[in-house]
C-alpha atoms as a PDB file:
ATOM      1  CA  UNK A   1     -71.983 -94.504 -34.916  1.00  0.00           C
ATOM      2  CA  UNK A   2     -69.886 -96.786 -37.026  1.00  0.00           C
ATOM      3  CA  UNK A   3     -70.606 -97.954 -40.707  1.00  0.00           C
ATOM      4  CA  UNK A   4     -72.094-100.938 -39.557  1.00  0.00           C
ATOM      5  CA  UNK A   5     -74.457 -99.294 -37.402  1.00  0.00           C
ATOM      6  CA  UNK A   6     -75.311 -96.796 -40.015  1.00  0.00           C
ATOM      7  CA  UNK A   7     -76.253 -99.644 -42.384  1.00  0.00           C
ATOM      8  CA  UNK A   8     -78.191-101.370 -39.580  1.00  0.00           C
ATOM      9  CA  UNK A   9     -80.506 -98.467 -39.135  1.00  0.00           C
ATOM     10  CA  UNK A  10     -81.472 -98.484 -42.930  1.00  0.00           C
ATOM     11  CA  UNK A  11     -82.257-102.055 -43.343  1.00  0.00           C
ATOM     12  CA  UNK A  12     -86.019-103.105 -43.292  1.00  0.00           C
ATOM     13  CA  UNK A  13     -86.148-105.352 -39.875  1.00  0.00           C
ATOM     14  CA  UNK A  14     -86.489-109.190 -40.338  1.00  0.00           C
ATOM     15  CA  UNK A  15     -89.408-111.083 -39.048  1.00  0.00           C
ATOM     16  CA  UNK A  16     -88.958-112.247 -36.047  1.00  0.00           C
ATOM     17  CA  UNK A  17     -89.798-116.126 -36.013  1.00  0.00           C
ATOM     18  CA  UNK A  18     -89.817-118.850 -33.501  1.00  0.00           C
ATOM     19  CA  UNK A  19     -88.071-121.865 -33.744  1.00  0.00           C
ATOM     20  CA  UNK A  20     -90.603-124.161 -34.630  1.00  0.00           C
ATOM     21  CA  UNK A  21     -91.608-121.681 -37.562  1.00  0.00           C
ATOM     22  CA  UNK A  22     -88.055-122.639 -39.195  1.00  0.00           C
ATOM     23  CA  UNK A  23     -87.859-125.760 -41.669  1.00  0.00           C
ATOM     24  CA  UNK A  24     -83.837-126.084 -41.664  1.00  0.00           C
ATOM     25  CA  UNK A  25     -82.763-129.542 -42.346  1.00  0.00           C
ATOM     26  CA  UNK A  26     -80.358-130.142 -39.106  1.00  0.00           C
ATOM     27  CA  UNK A  27     -77.505-132.514 -39.023  1.00  0.00           C
ATOM     28  CA  UNK A  28     -75.008-132.609 -35.956  1.00  0.00           C
ATOM     29  CA  UNK A  29     -73.318-129.262 -35.636  1.00  0.00           C
ATOM     30  CA  UNK A  30     -72.232-129.053 -39.367  1.00  0.00           C
ATOM     31  CA  UNK A  31     -73.455-125.010 -39.990  1.00  0.00           C
ATOM     32  CA  UNK A  32     -71.409-124.602 -36.527  1.00  0.00           C
ATOM     33  CA  UNK A  33     -68.197-126.399 -37.780  1.00  0.00           C
ATOM     34  CA  UNK A  34     -68.634-124.294 -41.135  1.00  0.00           C
ATOM     35  CA  UNK A  35     -68.573-120.970 -39.400  1.00  0.00           C
ATOM     36  CA  UNK A  36     -65.903-121.693 -37.122  1.00  0.00           C
ATOM     37  CA  UNK A  37     -63.870-123.093 -40.083  1.00  0.00           C
ATOM     38  CA  UNK A  38     -64.280-119.574 -42.089  1.00  0.00           C
ATOM     39  CA  UNK A  39     -63.326-117.589 -38.740  1.00  0.00           C
ATOM     40  CA  UNK A  40     -60.041-119.889 -38.776  1.00  0.00           C
ATOM     41  CA  UNK A  41     -59.621-118.993 -42.874  1.00  0.00           C
ATOM     42  CA  UNK A  42     -59.289-115.472 -42.089  1.00  0.00           C
ATOM     43  CA  UNK A  43     -57.208-116.133 -39.298  1.00  0.00           C
ATOM     44  CA  UNK A  44     -54.694-117.729 -41.427  1.00  0.00           C
ATOM     45  CA  UNK A  45     -55.048-115.064 -44.107  1.00  0.00           C
ATOM     46  CA  UNK A  46     -52.330-112.282 -44.405  1.00  0.00           C
ATOM     47  CA  UNK A  47     -53.646-109.167 -45.816  1.00  0.00           C
ATOM     48  CA  UNK A  48     -52.725-108.593 -49.898  1.00  0.00           C
ATOM     49  CA  UNK A  49     -51.736-104.851 -48.732  1.00  0.00           C
ATOM     50  CA  UNK A  50     -49.345-106.293 -46.193  1.00  0.00           C
ATOM     51  CA  UNK A  51     -47.711-108.881 -48.938  1.00  0.00           C
ATOM     52  CA  UNK A  52     -47.328-106.050 -51.524  1.00  0.00           C
ATOM     53  CA  UNK A  53     -45.735-103.751 -48.958  1.00  0.00           C
ATOM     54  CA  UNK A  54     -43.179-106.321 -47.725  1.00  0.00           C
ATOM     55  CA  UNK A  55     -41.958-107.052 -51.162  1.00  0.00           C
ATOM     56  CA  UNK A  56     -41.470-103.761 -52.465  1.00  0.00           C
ATOM     57  CA  UNK A  57     -44.021-101.632 -54.722  1.00  0.00           C
ATOM     58  CA  UNK A  58     -43.009-102.047 -58.651  1.00  0.00           C
ATOM     59  CA  UNK A  59     -42.622 -98.347 -59.269  1.00  0.00           C
ATOM     60  CA  UNK A  60     -41.463 -98.508 -62.844  1.00  0.00           C
ATOM     61  CA  UNK A  61     -44.336-100.772 -63.755  1.00  0.00           C
ATOM     62  CA  UNK A  62     -46.698 -97.922 -63.432  1.00  0.00           C
ATOM     63  CA  UNK A  63     -44.536 -95.252 -64.398  1.00  0.00           C
ATOM     64  CA  UNK A  64     -46.722 -94.324 -67.713  1.00  0.00           C
ATOM     65  CA  UNK A  65     -49.866 -95.620 -66.118  1.00  0.00           C
ATOM     66  CA  UNK A  66     -52.448 -92.915 -67.788  1.00  0.00           C
ATOM     67  CA  UNK A  67     -53.750 -92.126 -64.536  1.00  0.00           C
ATOM     68  CA  UNK A  68     -50.507 -91.029 -63.059  1.00  0.00           C
ATOM     69  CA  UNK A  69     -48.327 -90.505 -66.062  1.00  0.00           C
ATOM     70  CA  UNK A  70     -49.165 -86.524 -66.164  1.00  0.00           C
ATOM     71  CA  UNK A  71     -48.865 -85.548 -62.275  1.00  0.00           C
ATOM     72  CA  UNK A  72     -45.190 -85.164 -62.650  1.00  0.00           C
ATOM     73  CA  UNK A  73     -44.584 -86.045 -59.038  1.00  0.00           C
ATOM     74  CA  UNK A  74     -41.414 -87.865 -57.460  1.00  0.00           C
ATOM     75  CA  UNK A  75     -42.752 -91.109 -55.657  1.00  0.00           C
ATOM     76  CA  UNK A  76     -40.209 -92.332 -53.202  1.00  0.00           C
ATOM     77  CA  UNK A  77     -42.603 -94.475 -51.349  1.00  0.00           C
ATOM     78  CA  UNK A  78     -40.563 -94.905 -47.801  1.00  0.00           C
ATOM     79  CA  UNK A  79     -39.926 -90.982 -47.883  1.00  0.00           C
ATOM     80  CA  UNK A  80     -43.555 -90.498 -47.690  1.00  0.00           C
ATOM     81  CA  UNK A  81     -45.449 -93.312 -46.869  1.00  0.00           C
ATOM     82  CA  UNK A  82     -45.473 -95.260 -43.460  1.00  0.00           C
ATOM     83  CA  UNK A  83     -47.604 -98.371 -42.415  1.00  0.00           C
ATOM     84  CA  UNK A  84     -49.062 -99.807 -38.968  1.00  0.00           C
ATOM     85  CA  UNK A  85     -49.763-102.951 -38.090  1.00  0.00           C
ATOM     86  CA  UNK A  86     -52.199-104.353 -35.766  1.00  0.00           C
ATOM     87  CA  UNK A  87     -52.158-108.261 -34.632  1.00  0.00           C
ATOM     88  CA  UNK A  88     -54.975-108.938 -31.793  1.00  0.00           C
ATOM     89  CA  UNK A  89     -56.474-111.882 -30.747  1.00  0.00           C
ATOM     90  CA  UNK A  90     -59.838-111.568 -32.739  1.00  0.00           C
ATOM     91  CA  UNK A  91     -58.822-109.037 -35.261  1.00  0.00           C
ATOM     92  CA  UNK A  92     -55.765-107.969 -37.821  1.00  0.00           C
ATOM     93  CA  UNK A  93     -55.419-104.905 -39.669  1.00  0.00           C
ATOM     94  CA  UNK A  94     -52.809-103.407 -42.024  1.00  0.00           C
ATOM     95  CA  UNK A  95     -52.737 -99.422 -42.627  1.00  0.00           C
ATOM     96  CA  UNK A  96     -50.625 -97.495 -45.190  1.00  0.00           C
ATOM     97  CA  UNK A  97     -50.586 -93.861 -44.057  1.00  0.00           C
ATOM     98  CA  UNK A  98     -49.134 -90.522 -44.959  1.00  0.00           C
ATOM     99  CA  UNK A  99     -46.051 -89.913 -43.286  1.00  0.00           C
ATOM    100  CA  UNK A 100     -46.303 -86.355 -42.606  1.00  0.00           C
ATOM    101  CA  UNK A 101     -49.962 -86.308 -41.600  1.00  0.00           C
ATOM    102  CA  UNK A 102     -50.455 -89.991 -40.059  1.00  0.00           C
ATOM    103  CA  UNK A 103     -53.560 -89.975 -42.106  1.00  0.00           C
ATOM    104  CA  UNK A 104     -54.715 -93.220 -43.142  1.00  0.00           C
ATOM    105  CA  UNK A 105     -54.745 -93.729 -46.880  1.00  0.00           C
ATOM    106  CA  UNK A 106     -55.652 -97.456 -47.349  1.00  0.00           C
ATOM    107  CA  UNK A 107     -56.127-100.150 -45.105  1.00  0.00           C
ATOM    108  CA  UNK A 108     -57.509-103.853 -44.946  1.00  0.00           C
ATOM    109  CA  UNK A 109     -58.734-105.278 -42.022  1.00  0.00           C
ATOM    110  CA  UNK A 110     -59.569-108.996 -40.850  1.00  0.00           C
ATOM    111  CA  UNK A 111     -61.734-110.378 -37.831  1.00  0.00           C
ATOM    112  CA  UNK A 112     -62.255-113.764 -36.899  1.00  0.00           C
ATOM    113  CA  UNK A 113     -64.575-113.759 -33.908  1.00  0.00           C
ATOM    114  CA  UNK A 114     -66.137-117.424 -33.123  1.00  0.00           C
ATOM    115  CA  UNK A 115     -68.688-118.524 -30.659  1.00  0.00           C
ATOM    116  CA  UNK A 116     -70.835-121.318 -30.679  1.00  0.00           C
ATOM    117  CA  UNK A 117     -74.394-120.691 -31.624  1.00  0.00           C
ATOM    118  CA  UNK A 118     -77.317-122.492 -31.734  1.00  0.00           C
ATOM    119  CA  UNK A 119     -77.272-124.627 -34.889  1.00  0.00           C
ATOM    120  CA  UNK A 120     -80.335-123.023 -36.515  1.00  0.00           C
ATOM    121  CA  UNK A 121     -78.660-119.469 -35.946  1.00  0.00           C
ATOM    122  CA  UNK A 122     -75.342-120.522 -37.725  1.00  0.00           C
ATOM    123  CA  UNK A 123     -77.312-122.247 -40.658  1.00  0.00           C
ATOM    124  CA  UNK A 124     -78.910-118.923 -40.946  1.00  0.00           C
ATOM    125  CA  UNK A 125     -75.904-117.158 -41.049  1.00  0.00           C
ATOM    126  CA  UNK A 126     -74.346-119.313 -43.606  1.00  0.00           C
ATOM    127  CA  UNK A 127     -77.404-119.102 -45.733  1.00  0.00           C
ATOM    128  CA  UNK A 128     -77.351-115.318 -45.626  1.00  0.00           C
ATOM    129  CA  UNK A 129     -73.454-115.050 -46.630  1.00  0.00           C
ATOM    130  CA  UNK A 130     -74.308-117.217 -49.761  1.00  0.00           C
ATOM    131  CA  UNK A 131     -76.593-114.376 -50.778  1.00  0.00           C
ATOM    132  CA  UNK A 132     -73.874-111.618 -50.842  1.00  0.00           C
ATOM    133  CA  UNK A 133     -75.772-108.808 -49.862  1.00  0.00           C
ATOM    134  CA  UNK A 134     -76.524-106.236 -46.819  1.00  0.00           C
ATOM    135  CA  UNK A 135     -79.414-107.427 -44.507  1.00  0.00           C
ATOM    136  CA  UNK A 136     -80.527-108.362 -41.348  1.00  0.00           C
ATOM    137  CA  UNK A 137     -82.435-110.893 -39.576  1.00  0.00           C
ATOM    138  CA  UNK A 138     -83.681-111.943 -36.312  1.00  0.00           C
ATOM    139  CA  UNK A 139     -84.843-115.308 -34.472  1.00  0.00           C
ATOM    140  CA  UNK A 140     -85.627-116.513 -31.013  1.00  0.00           C
ATOM    141  CA  UNK A 141     -84.219-119.442 -30.045  1.00  0.00           C
ATOM    142  CA  UNK A 142     -84.656-121.439 -26.383  1.00  0.00           C
ATOM    143  CA  UNK A 143     -86.108-117.959 -24.838  1.00  0.00           C
ATOM    144  CA  UNK A 144     -83.063-115.810 -26.286  1.00  0.00           C
ATOM    145  CA  UNK A 145     -83.342-113.485 -29.332  1.00  0.00           C
ATOM    146  CA  UNK A 146     -80.627-112.946 -31.805  1.00  0.00           C
ATOM    147  CA  UNK A 147     -79.649-110.935 -34.405  1.00  0.00           C
ATOM    148  CA  UNK A 148     -77.797-111.883 -37.545  1.00  0.00           C
ATOM    149  CA  UNK A 149     -76.611-109.177 -40.010  1.00  0.00           C
ATOM    150  CA  UNK A 150     -74.897-109.139 -43.149  1.00  0.00           C
ATOM    151  CA  UNK A 151     -72.577-106.768 -44.781  1.00  0.00           C
ATOM    152  CA  UNK A 152     -71.803-106.827 -48.909  1.00  0.00           C
ATOM    153  CA  UNK A 153     -70.521-104.213 -50.790  1.00  0.00           C
ATOM    154  CA  UNK A 154     -67.797-103.572 -53.200  1.00  0.00           C
ATOM    155  CA  UNK A 155     -66.700 -99.456 -53.010  1.00  0.00           C
ATOM    156  CA  UNK A 156     -69.324 -97.967 -51.138  1.00  0.00           C
ATOM    157  CA  UNK A 157     -68.823 -94.373 -50.644  1.00  0.00           C
ATOM    158  CA  UNK A 158     -68.694 -93.714 -46.585  1.00  0.00           C
ATOM    159  CA  UNK A 159     -69.424 -89.984 -46.642  1.00  0.00           C
ATOM    160  CA  UNK A 160     -69.311 -89.649 -42.861  1.00  0.00           C
ATOM    161  CA  UNK A 161     -65.276 -90.746 -42.851  1.00  0.00           C
ATOM    162  CA  UNK A 162     -64.160 -89.651 -46.325  1.00  0.00           C
ATOM    163  CA  UNK A 163     -63.574 -93.385 -47.120  1.00  0.00           C
ATOM    164  CA  UNK A 164     -64.711 -95.621 -49.872  1.00  0.00           C
ATOM    165  CA  UNK A 165     -65.174 -99.197 -48.355  1.00  0.00           C
ATOM    166  CA  UNK A 166     -65.458-102.411 -49.403  1.00  0.00           C
ATOM    167  CA  UNK A 167     -66.621-105.250 -47.104  1.00  0.00           C
ATOM    168  CA  UNK A 168     -67.672-108.531 -46.599  1.00  0.00           C
ATOM    169  CA  UNK A 169     -68.996-109.840 -43.215  1.00  0.00           C
ATOM    170  CA  UNK A 170     -71.327-111.703 -40.981  1.00  0.00           C
ATOM    171  CA  UNK A 171     -72.117-110.857 -37.339  1.00  0.00           C
ATOM    172  CA  UNK A 172     -74.397-112.586 -34.956  1.00  0.00           C
ATOM    173  CA  UNK A 173     -75.559-111.159 -31.414  1.00  0.00           C
ATOM    174  CA  UNK A 174     -77.572-112.082 -28.740  1.00  0.00           C
ATOM    175  CA  UNK A 175     -79.872-110.853 -26.070  1.00  0.00           C
ATOM    176  CA  UNK A 176     -80.371-107.953 -28.005  1.00  0.00           C
ATOM    177  CA  UNK A 177     -81.793-104.396 -26.983  1.00  0.00           C
ATOM    178  CA  UNK A 178     -83.612-102.375 -29.099  1.00  0.00           C
ATOM    179  CA  UNK A 179     -84.478 -98.380 -28.752  1.00  0.00           C
ATOM    180  CA  UNK A 180     -87.361 -97.336 -31.235  1.00  0.00           C
ATOM    181  CA  UNK A 181     -86.806-100.648 -33.213  1.00  0.00           C
ATOM    182  CA  UNK A 182     -83.002 -99.713 -33.557  1.00  0.00           C
ATOM    183  CA  UNK A 183     -80.394-102.184 -31.295  1.00  0.00           C
ATOM    184  CA  UNK A 184     -78.437-100.366 -28.842  1.00  0.00           C
ATOM    185  CA  UNK A 185     -76.729-103.409 -27.058  1.00  0.00           C
ATOM    186  CA  UNK A 186     -76.041-106.808 -27.223  1.00  0.00           C
ATOM    187  CA  UNK A 187     -73.451-109.550 -26.640  1.00  0.00           C
ATOM    188  CA  UNK A 188     -70.993-110.403 -29.913  1.00  0.00           C
ATOM    189  CA  UNK A 189     -70.757-113.974 -30.420  1.00  0.00           C
ATOM    190  CA  UNK A 190     -69.518-114.149 -33.956  1.00  0.00           C
ATOM    191  CA  UNK A 191     -67.802-111.186 -36.333  1.00  0.00           C
ATOM    192  CA  UNK A 192     -66.140-112.984 -39.337  1.00  0.00           C
ATOM    193  CA  UNK A 193     -65.217-110.011 -41.500  1.00  0.00           C
ATOM    194  CA  UNK A 194     -63.126-108.841 -44.027  1.00  0.00           C
ATOM    195  CA  UNK A 195     -62.805-104.869 -44.887  1.00  0.00           C
ATOM    196  CA  UNK A 196     -60.765-102.524 -46.600  1.00  0.00           C
ATOM    197  CA  UNK A 197     -60.879 -98.833 -46.975  1.00  0.00           C
ATOM    198  CA  UNK A 198     -59.532 -96.283 -49.444  1.00  0.00           C
ATOM    199  CA  UNK A 199     -59.234 -92.219 -49.147  1.00  0.00           C
ATOM    200  CA  UNK A 200     -61.476 -90.673 -51.361  1.00  0.00           C
ATOM    201  CA  UNK A 201     -59.883 -88.990 -53.942  1.00  0.00           C
ATOM    202  CA  UNK A 202     -62.111 -86.659 -53.646  1.00  0.00           C
ATOM    203  CA  UNK A 203     -60.618 -85.762 -50.039  1.00  0.00           C
ATOM    204  CA  UNK A 204     -58.402 -83.149 -51.787  1.00  0.00           C
ATOM    205  CA  UNK A 205     -58.503 -80.966 -48.623  1.00  0.00           C
ATOM    206  CA  UNK A 206     -55.833 -83.264 -47.018  1.00  0.00           C
ATOM    207  CA  UNK A 207     -53.451 -82.112 -49.963  1.00  0.00           C
ATOM    208  CA  UNK A 208     -52.032 -85.902 -50.613  1.00  0.00           C
ATOM    209  CA  UNK A 209     -51.503 -85.586 -54.321  1.00  0.00           C
ATOM    210  CA  UNK A 210     -50.052 -89.016 -54.915  1.00  0.00           C
ATOM    211  CA  UNK A 211     -53.526 -90.946 -53.852  1.00  0.00           C
ATOM    212  CA  UNK A 212     -53.353 -92.672 -57.302  1.00  0.00           C
ATOM    213  CA  UNK A 213     -50.029 -93.479 -56.860  1.00  0.00           C
ATOM    214  CA  UNK A 214     -50.715 -95.221 -54.080  1.00  0.00           C
ATOM    215  CA  UNK A 215     -53.595 -97.140 -54.927  1.00  0.00           C
ATOM    216  CA  UNK A 216     -52.007 -98.444 -57.839  1.00  0.00           C
ATOM    217  CA  UNK A 217     -48.764 -99.444 -56.412  1.00  0.00           C
ATOM    218  CA  UNK A 218     -50.156-101.082 -53.478  1.00  0.00           C
ATOM    219  CA  UNK A 219     -52.592-103.191 -55.371  1.00  0.00           C
ATOM    220  CA  UNK A 220     -55.266-101.944 -53.395  1.00  0.00           C
ATOM    221  CA  UNK A 221     -58.308-103.067 -56.337  1.00  0.00           C
ATOM    222  CA  UNK A 222     -56.971-106.778 -56.051  1.00  0.00           C
ATOM    223  CA  UNK A 223     -57.721-107.142 -52.521  1.00  0.00           C
ATOM    224  CA  UNK A 224     -61.764-107.512 -53.271  1.00  0.00           C
ATOM    225  CA  UNK A 225     -60.960-110.476 -55.424  1.00  0.00           C
ATOM    226  CA  UNK A 226     -60.196-112.266 -52.061  1.00  0.00           C
ATOM    227  CA  UNK A 227     -62.243-110.249 -49.663  1.00  0.00           C
ATOM    228  CA  UNK A 228     -65.688-110.374 -51.567  1.00  0.00           C
ATOM    229  CA  UNK A 229     -65.360-114.344 -51.747  1.00  0.00           C
ATOM    230  CA  UNK A 230     -63.630-115.704 -48.939  1.00  0.00           C
ATOM    231  CA  UNK A 231     -67.201-117.169 -48.108  1.00  0.00           C
ATOM    232  CA  UNK A 232     -67.527-119.397 -50.963  1.00  0.00           C
END
């Protein structure tokens, strides 16, 4: 079960509404075009982690930072860290890893799947994005059931994976199937998402003494400046 499934299961189910109950001013396909524009926006965005890695980290800038100045550890990025870059048609990710253990310390991911949906569904998805919260809504259009899920959080502790996650996304599924009120299947039509993760500092069991260096030098905390606002 991934973090999306965990969050979905604790959200109060939205009321199912027939299409005639929804009062939305619809003109042409404006909402679908807006969703597609947002998907293309993320598709054409280069992750901040990748940009800072490529230009090189300014290690001198943080030499006397109060978080790291007492660690007395030599830090040679290329000696202890490596990166992995994934580039797929509907997904892109950049991962910074501990070279010795291959454990991912930091990551930033972008998803940009878009398929046309009924305009009413697209408009509701945009409305949920603007609210900037984690929520779920179901609506029936043309005899088919759609589920719209929004996920929005900054530095949420994901205990299952020892990660701190930040994320901002909208997800639309159709023909959903439920088991005891929980969605177990459906066809994904739209996933527009930014997400970033950081290995929790409390995970010292991994022996990664330079976590603070890596977080500071990669400027990971700045990723949310864009990631939590790309929809605006």
